[in-house]
PDB file of all heavy atoms in Angstrom:
ATOM      1  N   ILE A   1     110.507  99.576  91.747  1.00  0.00           N
ATOM      2  CA  ILE A   1     111.280  99.437  92.959  1.00  0.00           C
ATOM      3  C   ILE A   1     111.272  98.018  93.418  1.00  0.00           C
ATOM      4  O   ILE A   1     110.499  97.599  94.244  1.00  0.00           O
ATOM      5  CB  ILE A   1     110.719 100.382  93.991  1.00  0.00           C
ATOM      6  CG1 ILE A   1     110.655 101.801  93.419  1.00  0.00           C
ATOM      7  CG2 ILE A   1     111.647 100.353  95.249  1.00  0.00           C
ATOM      8  CD1 ILE A   1     109.906 102.748  94.383  1.00  0.00           C
ATOM      9  N   ALA A   2     112.082  97.165  92.768  1.00  0.00           N
ATOM     10  CA  ALA A   2     112.113  95.780  93.077  1.00  0.00           C
ATOM     11  C   ALA A   2     113.381  95.195  92.543  1.00  0.00           C
ATOM     12  O   ALA A   2     114.053  95.719  91.660  1.00  0.00           O
ATOM     13  CB  ALA A   2     110.914  95.019  92.476  1.00  0.00           C
ATOM     14  N   ARG A   3     113.764  94.020  93.140  1.00  0.00           N
ATOM     15  CA  ARG A   3     114.891  93.222  92.593  1.00  0.00           C
ATOM     16  C   ARG A   3     114.314  92.272  91.552  1.00  0.00           C
ATOM     17  O   ARG A   3     113.122  91.950  91.579  1.00  0.00           O
ATOM     18  CB  ARG A   3     115.524  92.411  93.759  1.00  0.00           C
ATOM     19  CG  ARG A   3     116.204  93.252  94.810  1.00  0.00           C
ATOM     20  CD  ARG A   3     117.464  93.932  94.314  1.00  0.00           C
ATOM     21  NE  ARG A   3     118.159  94.633  95.373  1.00  0.00           N
ATOM     22  CZ  ARG A   3     119.284  95.271  95.150  1.00  0.00           C
ATOM     23  NH1 ARG A   3     119.801  95.378  93.915  1.00  0.00           N
ATOM     24  NH2 ARG A   3     119.866  95.975  96.185  1.00  0.00           N
ATOM     25  N   PRO A   4     115.160  91.823  90.628  1.00  0.00           N
ATOM     26  CA  PRO A   4     114.708  90.867  89.639  1.00  0.00           C
ATOM     27  C   PRO A   4     114.074  89.645  90.254  1.00  0.00           C
ATOM     28  O   PRO A   4     114.687  89.062  91.151  1.00  0.00           O
ATOM     29  CB  PRO A   4     115.966  90.525  88.834  1.00  0.00           C
ATOM     30  CG  PRO A   4     116.867  91.705  88.998  1.00  0.00           C
ATOM     31  CD  PRO A   4     116.592  92.211  90.421  1.00  0.00           C
ATOM     32  N   GLY A   5     112.902  89.290  89.788  1.00  0.00           N
ATOM     33  CA  GLY A   5     112.217  88.085  90.306  1.00  0.00           C
ATOM     34  C   GLY A   5     111.668  88.241  91.666  1.00  0.00           C
ATOM     35  O   GLY A   5     111.052  87.271  92.193  1.00  0.00           O
ATOM     36  N   GLU A   6     111.692  89.453  92.285  1.00  0.00           N
ATOM     37  CA  GLU A   6     111.117  89.670  93.606  1.00  0.00           C
ATOM     38  C   GLU A   6     109.968  90.637  93.501  1.00  0.00           C
ATOM     39  O   GLU A   6     109.797  91.372  92.491  1.00  0.00           O
ATOM     40  CB  GLU A   6     112.165  90.216  94.554  1.00  0.00           C
ATOM     41  CG  GLU A   6     113.282  89.223  94.801  1.00  0.00           C
ATOM     42  CD  GLU A   6     114.331  89.738  95.825  1.00  0.00           C
ATOM     43  OE1 GLU A   6     114.038  90.831  96.443  1.00  0.00           O
ATOM     44  OE2 GLU A   6     115.384  89.094  95.955  1.00  0.00           O
ATOM     45  N   ARG A   7     109.129  90.693  94.544  1.00  0.00           N
ATOM     46  CA  ARG A   7     107.986  91.604  94.516  1.00  0.00           C
ATOM     47  C   ARG A   7     108.431  93.037  94.794  1.00  0.00           C
ATOM     48  O   ARG A   7     109.436  93.241  95.452  1.00  0.00           O
ATOM     49  CB  ARG A   7     106.945  91.156  95.535  1.00  0.00           C
ATOM     50  CG  ARG A   7     107.480  91.132  96.947  1.00  0.00           C
ATOM     51  CD  ARG A   7     106.427  90.602  97.880  1.00  0.00           C
ATOM     52  NE  ARG A   7     106.899  90.626  99.300  1.00  0.00           N
ATOM     53  CZ  ARG A   7     106.147  90.322 100.311  1.00  0.00           C
ATOM     54  NH1 ARG A   7     104.807  90.026 100.161  1.00  0.00           N
ATOM     55  NH2 ARG A   7     106.605  90.321 101.549  1.00  0.00           N
ATOM     56  N   PRO A   8     107.673  94.004  94.294  1.00  0.00           N
ATOM     57  CA  PRO A   8     108.009  95.415  94.566  1.00  0.00           C
ATOM     58  C   PRO A   8     107.986  95.736  96.071  1.00  0.00           C
ATOM     59  O   PRO A   8     107.204  95.123  96.800  1.00  0.00           O
ATOM     60  CB  PRO A   8     106.904  96.227  93.840  1.00  0.00           C
ATOM     61  CG  PRO A   8     106.450  95.268  92.753  1.00  0.00           C
ATOM     62  CD  PRO A   8     106.534  93.859  93.374  1.00  0.00           C
ATOM     63  N   VAL A   9     108.848  96.649  96.445  1.00  0.00           N
ATOM     64  CA  VAL A   9     108.975  97.063  97.885  1.00  0.00           C
ATOM     65  C   VAL A   9     108.423  98.457  98.044  1.00  0.00           C
ATOM     66  O   VAL A   9     108.870  99.402  97.380  1.00  0.00           O
ATOM     67  CB  VAL A   9     110.463  97.036  98.288  1.00  0.00           C
ATOM     68  CG1 VAL A   9     110.621  97.476  99.690  1.00  0.00           C
ATOM     69  CG2 VAL A   9     111.053  95.637  98.119  1.00  0.00           C
ATOM     70  N   PRO A  10     107.438  98.667  98.907  1.00  0.00           N
ATOM     71  CA  PRO A  10     106.904 100.000  99.171  1.00  0.00           C
ATOM     72  C   PRO A  10     108.002 100.948  99.676  1.00  0.00           C
ATOM     73  O   PRO A  10     108.636 100.591 100.673  1.00  0.00           O
ATOM     74  CB  PRO A  10     105.807  99.805 100.225  1.00  0.00           C
ATOM     75  CG  PRO A  10     105.486  98.308 100.181  1.00  0.00           C
ATOM     76  CD  PRO A  10     106.746  97.636  99.744  1.00  0.00           C
ATOM     77  N   PRO A  11     108.277 102.083  99.020  1.00  0.00           N
ATOM     78  CA  PRO A  11     109.284 102.965  99.512  1.00  0.00           C
ATOM     79  C   PRO A  11     108.787 103.869 100.649  1.00  0.00           C
ATOM     80  O   PRO A  11     108.730 105.122 100.519  1.00  0.00           O
ATOM     81  CB  PRO A  11     109.615 103.787  98.266  1.00  0.00           C
ATOM     82  CG  PRO A  11     108.295 103.833  97.474  1.00  0.00           C
ATOM     83  CD  PRO A  11     107.661 102.481  97.779  1.00  0.00           C
ATOM     84  N   LEU A  12     108.456 103.172 101.769  1.00  0.00           N
ATOM     85  CA  LEU A  12     107.734 103.847 102.870  1.00  0.00           C
ATOM     86  C   LEU A  12     106.478 104.523 102.257  1.00  0.00           C
ATOM     87  O   LEU A  12     105.831 103.916 101.329  1.00  0.00           O
ATOM     88  CB  LEU A  12     108.620 104.861 103.589  1.00  0.00           C
ATOM     89  CG  LEU A  12     109.907 104.292 104.156  1.00  0.00           C
ATOM     90  CD1 LEU A  12     110.713 105.344 104.900  1.00  0.00           C
ATOM     91  CD2 LEU A  12     109.683 103.146 105.089  1.00  0.00           C
ATOM     92  N   ASN A  13     106.192 105.749 102.614  1.00  0.00           N
ATOM     93  CA  ASN A  13     105.048 106.495 101.959  1.00  0.00           C
ATOM     94  C   ASN A  13     105.615 107.804 101.423  1.00  0.00           C
ATOM     95  O   ASN A  13     104.983 108.815 101.449  1.00  0.00           O
ATOM     96  CB  ASN A  13     103.874 106.698 102.855  1.00  0.00           C
ATOM     97  CG  ASN A  13     104.197 107.483 104.099  1.00  0.00           C
ATOM     98  OD1 ASN A  13     105.321 107.441 104.548  1.00  0.00           O
ATOM     99  ND2 ASN A  13     103.229 108.137 104.620  1.00  0.00           N
ATOM    100  N   LEU A  14     106.923 107.725 100.978  1.00  0.00           N
ATOM    101  CA  LEU A  14     107.594 108.959 100.543  1.00  0.00           C
ATOM    102  C   LEU A  14     107.197 109.431  99.157  1.00  0.00           C
ATOM    103  O   LEU A  14     107.152 110.641  98.910  1.00  0.00           O
ATOM    104  CB  LEU A  14     109.078 108.686 100.576  1.00  0.00           C
ATOM    105  CG  LEU A  14     109.731 108.249 101.903  1.00  0.00           C
ATOM    106  CD1 LEU A  14     111.191 108.013 101.772  1.00  0.00           C
ATOM    107  CD2 LEU A  14     109.422 109.234 103.005  1.00  0.00           C
ATOM    108  N   VAL A  15     106.882 108.510  98.295  1.00  0.00           N
ATOM    109  CA  VAL A  15     106.625 108.911  96.889  1.00  0.00           C
ATOM    110  C   VAL A  15     105.216 109.465  96.668  1.00  0.00           C
ATOM    111  O   VAL A  15     105.073 110.502  96.017  1.00  0.00           O
ATOM    112  CB  VAL A  15     106.874 107.681  95.943  1.00  0.00           C
ATOM    113  CG1 VAL A  15     106.562 108.041  94.523  1.00  0.00           C
ATOM    114  CG2 VAL A  15     108.324 107.247  96.043  1.00  0.00           C
ATOM    115  N   GLY A  16     104.244 108.773  97.178  1.00  0.00           N
ATOM    116  CA  GLY A  16     102.867 109.301  97.029  1.00  0.00           C
ATOM    117  C   GLY A  16     102.478 110.351  98.018  1.00  0.00           C
ATOM    118  O   GLY A  16     102.115 111.468  97.682  1.00  0.00           O
ATOM    119  N   ASP A  17     102.526 110.041  99.305  1.00  0.00           N
ATOM    120  CA  ASP A  17     102.026 110.925 100.378  1.00  0.00           C
ATOM    121  C   ASP A  17     102.855 112.227 100.379  1.00  0.00           C
ATOM    122  O   ASP A  17     102.279 113.390 100.310  1.00  0.00           O
ATOM    123  CB  ASP A  17     102.166 110.282 101.734  1.00  0.00           C
ATOM    124  CG  ASP A  17     100.980 109.370 102.054  1.00  0.00           C
ATOM    125  OD1 ASP A  17     100.063 109.321 101.258  1.00  0.00           O
ATOM    126  OD2 ASP A  17     101.012 108.766 103.113  1.00  0.00           O
ATOM    127  N   PHE A  18     104.177 112.125 100.453  1.00  0.00           N
ATOM    128  CA  PHE A  18     104.967 113.297 100.754  1.00  0.00           C
ATOM    129  C   PHE A  18     105.626 113.905  99.484  1.00  0.00           C
ATOM    130  O   PHE A  18     105.504 115.177  99.390  1.00  0.00           O
ATOM    131  CB  PHE A  18     106.027 112.930 101.782  1.00  0.00           C
ATOM    132  CG  PHE A  18     105.458 112.484 103.056  1.00  0.00           C
ATOM    133  CD1 PHE A  18     105.722 111.260 103.630  1.00  0.00           C
ATOM    134  CD2 PHE A  18     104.592 113.319 103.792  1.00  0.00           C
ATOM    135  CE1 PHE A  18     105.158 110.859 104.842  1.00  0.00           C
ATOM    136  CE2 PHE A  18     103.959 112.909 104.954  1.00  0.00           C
ATOM    137  CZ  PHE A  18     104.299 111.710 105.509  1.00  0.00           C
ATOM    138  N   GLY A  19     106.156 113.140  98.583  1.00  0.00           N
ATOM    139  CA  GLY A  19     106.771 113.787  97.393  1.00  0.00           C
ATOM    140  C   GLY A  19     105.699 114.177  96.399  1.00  0.00           C
ATOM    141  O   GLY A  19     105.577 115.358  95.998  1.00  0.00           O
ATOM    142  N   GLY A  20     104.862 113.196  95.991  1.00  0.00           N
ATOM    143  CA  GLY A  20     103.847 113.502  94.999  1.00  0.00           C
ATOM    144  C   GLY A  20     102.608 114.119  95.574  1.00  0.00           C
ATOM    145  O   GLY A  20     101.759 114.660  94.818  1.00  0.00           O
ATOM    146  N   GLY A  21     102.496 114.103  96.901  1.00  0.00           N
ATOM    147  CA  GLY A  21     101.269 114.764  97.517  1.00  0.00           C
ATOM    148  C   GLY A  21     101.642 116.074  98.241  1.00  0.00           C
ATOM    149  O   GLY A  21     101.370 117.127  97.684  1.00  0.00           O
ATOM    150  N   GLY A  22     102.103 115.951  99.505  1.00  0.00           N
ATOM    151  CA  GLY A  22     102.291 117.142 100.301  1.00  0.00           C
ATOM    152  C   GLY A  22     103.254 118.188  99.708  1.00  0.00           C
ATOM    153  O   GLY A  22     102.904 119.405  99.713  1.00  0.00           O
ATOM    154  N   LEU A  23     104.358 117.747  99.271  1.00  0.00           N
ATOM    155  CA  LEU A  23     105.333 118.673  98.667  1.00  0.00           C
ATOM    156  C   LEU A  23     104.780 119.351  97.394  1.00  0.00           C
ATOM    157  O   LEU A  23     104.955 120.546  97.208  1.00  0.00           O
ATOM    158  CB  LEU A  23     106.664 117.960  98.413  1.00  0.00           C
ATOM    159  CG  LEU A  23     107.843 118.836  98.040  1.00  0.00           C
ATOM    160  CD1 LEU A  23     108.235 119.805  99.173  1.00  0.00           C
ATOM    161  CD2 LEU A  23     109.067 117.931  97.707  1.00  0.00           C
ATOM    162  N   LEU A  24     104.152 118.565  96.577  1.00  0.00           N
ATOM    163  CA  LEU A  24     103.595 119.064  95.343  1.00  0.00           C
ATOM    164  C   LEU A  24     102.452 120.040  95.621  1.00  0.00           C
ATOM    165  O   LEU A  24     102.341 121.128  94.940  1.00  0.00           O
ATOM    166  CB  LEU A  24     103.088 118.005  94.446  1.00  0.00           C
ATOM    167  CG  LEU A  24     102.911 118.369  92.956  1.00  0.00           C
ATOM    168  CD1 LEU A  24     104.222 118.751  92.310  1.00  0.00           C
ATOM    169  CD2 LEU A  24     102.246 117.247  92.169  1.00  0.00           C
ATOM    170  N   GLN A  25     101.672 119.765  96.640  1.00  0.00           N
ATOM    171  CA  GLN A  25     100.625 120.677  96.989  1.00  0.00           C
ATOM    172  C   GLN A  25     101.205 122.016  97.496  1.00  0.00           C
ATOM    173  O   GLN A  25     100.625 123.119  97.195  1.00  0.00           O
ATOM    174  CB  GLN A  25      99.656 120.126  98.017  1.00  0.00           C
ATOM    175  CG  GLN A  25      98.640 121.119  98.513  1.00  0.00           C
ATOM    176  CD  GLN A  25      97.290 120.545  98.999  1.00  0.00           C
ATOM    177  OE1 GLN A  25      96.372 120.413  98.216  1.00  0.00           O
ATOM    178  NE2 GLN A  25      97.323 120.151 100.243  1.00  0.00           N
ATOM    179  N   ALA A  26     102.190 121.953  98.295  1.00  0.00           N
ATOM    180  CA  ALA A  26     102.820 123.151  98.794  1.00  0.00           C
ATOM    181  C   ALA A  26     103.264 124.039  97.623  1.00  0.00           C
ATOM    182  O   ALA A  26     103.142 125.257  97.624  1.00  0.00           O
ATOM    183  CB  ALA A  26     103.986 122.868  99.749  1.00  0.00           C
ATOM    184  N   PHE A  27     103.876 123.430  96.613  1.00  0.00           N
ATOM    185  CA  PHE A  27     104.323 124.132  95.416  1.00  0.00           C
ATOM    186  C   PHE A  27     103.152 124.739  94.740  1.00  0.00           C
ATOM    187  O   PHE A  27     103.188 125.936  94.347  1.00  0.00           O
ATOM    188  CB  PHE A  27     105.096 123.152  94.501  1.00  0.00           C
ATOM    189  CG  PHE A  27     105.404 123.692  93.166  1.00  0.00           C
ATOM    190  CD1 PHE A  27     106.363 124.706  93.018  1.00  0.00           C
ATOM    191  CD2 PHE A  27     104.804 123.233  92.014  1.00  0.00           C
ATOM    192  CE1 PHE A  27     106.693 125.199  91.787  1.00  0.00           C
ATOM    193  CE2 PHE A  27     105.097 123.713  90.806  1.00  0.00           C
ATOM    194  CZ  PHE A  27     106.056 124.722  90.629  1.00  0.00           C
ATOM    195  N   GLY A  28     102.072 124.012  94.492  1.00  0.00           N
ATOM    196  CA  GLY A  28     100.900 124.508  93.813  1.00  0.00           C
ATOM    197  C   GLY A  28     100.274 125.641  94.580  1.00  0.00           C
ATOM    198  O   GLY A  28      99.804 126.668  93.996  1.00  0.00           O
ATOM    199  N   VAL A  29     100.203 125.514  95.913  1.00  0.00           N
ATOM    200  CA  VAL A  29      99.614 126.571  96.751  1.00  0.00           C
ATOM    201  C   VAL A  29     100.426 127.900  96.632  1.00  0.00           C
ATOM    202  O   VAL A  29      99.841 128.957  96.420  1.00  0.00           O
ATOM    203  CB  VAL A  29      99.511 126.200  98.230  1.00  0.00           C
ATOM    204  CG1 VAL A  29      99.313 127.327  99.144  1.00  0.00           C
ATOM    205  CG2 VAL A  29      98.372 125.136  98.382  1.00  0.00           C
ATOM    206  N   VAL A  30     101.725 127.789  96.666  1.00  0.00           N
ATOM    207  CA  VAL A  30     102.560 128.987  96.582  1.00  0.00           C
ATOM    208  C   VAL A  30     102.420 129.571  95.192  1.00  0.00           C
ATOM    209  O   VAL A  30     102.382 130.831  95.017  1.00  0.00           O
ATOM    210  CB  VAL A  30     104.016 128.694  96.900  1.00  0.00           C
ATOM    211  CG1 VAL A  30     104.932 129.884  96.667  1.00  0.00           C
ATOM    212  CG2 VAL A  30     104.109 128.294  98.419  1.00  0.00           C
ATOM    213  N   CYS A  31     102.388 128.784  94.130  1.00  0.00           N
ATOM    214  CA  CYS A  31     102.191 129.253  92.762  1.00  0.00           C
ATOM    215  C   CYS A  31     100.908 130.015  92.701  1.00  0.00           C
ATOM    216  O   CYS A  31     100.799 131.121  92.134  1.00  0.00           O
ATOM    217  CB  CYS A  31     102.167 128.093  91.775  1.00  0.00           C
ATOM    218  SG  CYS A  31     103.738 127.305  91.447  1.00  0.00           S
ATOM    219  N   ALA A  32      99.795 129.489  93.246  1.00  0.00           N
ATOM    220  CA  ALA A  32      98.491 130.117  93.181  1.00  0.00           C
ATOM    221  C   ALA A  32      98.495 131.450  94.030  1.00  0.00           C
ATOM    222  O   ALA A  32      97.843 132.374  93.664  1.00  0.00           O
ATOM    223  CB  ALA A  32      97.413 129.174  93.694  1.00  0.00           C
ATOM    224  N   LEU A  33      99.209 131.437  95.185  1.00  0.00           N
ATOM    225  CA  LEU A  33      99.333 132.675  95.932  1.00  0.00           C
ATOM    226  C   LEU A  33      99.994 133.759  95.186  1.00  0.00           C
ATOM    227  O   LEU A  33      99.607 134.921  95.160  1.00  0.00           O
ATOM    228  CB  LEU A  33     100.131 132.357  97.227  1.00  0.00           C
ATOM    229  CG  LEU A  33      99.368 131.721  98.354  1.00  0.00           C
ATOM    230  CD1 LEU A  33     100.394 131.347  99.459  1.00  0.00           C
ATOM    231  CD2 LEU A  33      98.297 132.693  98.925  1.00  0.00           C
ATOM    232  N   LEU A  34     101.075 133.418  94.437  1.00  0.00           N
ATOM    233  CA  LEU A  34     101.784 134.418  93.640  1.00  0.00           C
ATOM    234  C   LEU A  34     100.889 134.967  92.534  1.00  0.00           C
ATOM    235  O   LEU A  34     100.843 136.145  92.294  1.00  0.00           O
ATOM    236  CB  LEU A  34     103.050 133.799  93.001  1.00  0.00           C
ATOM    237  CG  LEU A  34     104.192 133.553  93.957  1.00  0.00           C
ATOM    238  CD1 LEU A  34     105.310 132.753  93.253  1.00  0.00           C
ATOM    239  CD2 LEU A  34     104.746 134.790  94.522  1.00  0.00           C
ATOM    240  N   GLU A  35     100.081 134.070  91.928  1.00  0.00           N
ATOM    241  CA  GLU A  35      99.198 134.522  90.866  1.00  0.00           C
ATOM    242  C   GLU A  35      98.107 135.386  91.399  1.00  0.00           C
ATOM    243  O   GLU A  35      97.687 136.380  90.825  1.00  0.00           O
ATOM    244  CB  GLU A  35      98.593 133.295  90.114  1.00  0.00           C
ATOM    245  CG  GLU A  35      98.003 133.612  88.806  1.00  0.00           C
ATOM    246  CD  GLU A  35      96.605 134.186  88.857  1.00  0.00           C
ATOM    247  OE1 GLU A  35      95.922 133.954  89.872  1.00  0.00           O
ATOM    248  OE2 GLU A  35      96.200 134.878  87.911  1.00  0.00           O
ATOM    249  N   ALA A  36      97.598 135.047  92.602  1.00  0.00           N
ATOM    250  CA  ALA A  36      96.521 135.814  93.200  1.00  0.00           C
ATOM    251  C   ALA A  36      96.932 137.233  93.600  1.00  0.00           C
ATOM    252  O   ALA A  36      96.109 138.178  93.551  1.00  0.00           O
ATOM    253  CB  ALA A  36      95.982 135.119  94.484  1.00  0.00           C
ATOM    254  N   ARG A  37      98.197 137.373  93.869  1.00  0.00           N
ATOM    255  CA  ARG A  37      98.703 138.765  94.170  1.00  0.00           C
ATOM    256  C   ARG A  37      98.628 139.625  92.985  1.00  0.00           C
ATOM    257  O   ARG A  37      98.425 140.859  93.020  1.00  0.00           O
ATOM    258  CB  ARG A  37     100.144 138.651  94.675  1.00  0.00           C
ATOM    259  CG  ARG A  37     100.246 138.068  96.042  1.00  0.00           C
ATOM    260  CD  ARG A  37     101.675 138.135  96.508  1.00  0.00           C
ATOM    261  NE  ARG A  37     101.814 137.581  97.916  1.00  0.00           N
ATOM    262  CZ  ARG A  37     102.957 137.532  98.558  1.00  0.00           C
ATOM    263  NH1 ARG A  37     104.075 137.931  97.986  1.00  0.00           N
ATOM    264  NH2 ARG A  37     102.962 137.083  99.844  1.00  0.00           N
ATOM    265  N   ALA A  38      98.758 139.030  91.776  1.00  0.00           N
ATOM    266  CA  ALA A  38      98.752 139.816  90.510  1.00  0.00           C
ATOM    267  C   ALA A  38      97.312 140.032  90.011  1.00  0.00           C
ATOM    268  O   ALA A  38      96.905 141.084  89.586  1.00  0.00           O
ATOM    269  CB  ALA A  38      99.579 139.127  89.420  1.00  0.00           C
TER     270      ALA A  38
END
């Protein structure tokens, strides 16, 4: 996430905290809940 010759730009905290973290955990939790029912 950068322009040529420029330093990378933090994409807010959307990629790690919320996309790769909170959203992925919600998916994992619901998957585990479905498995636990069985």
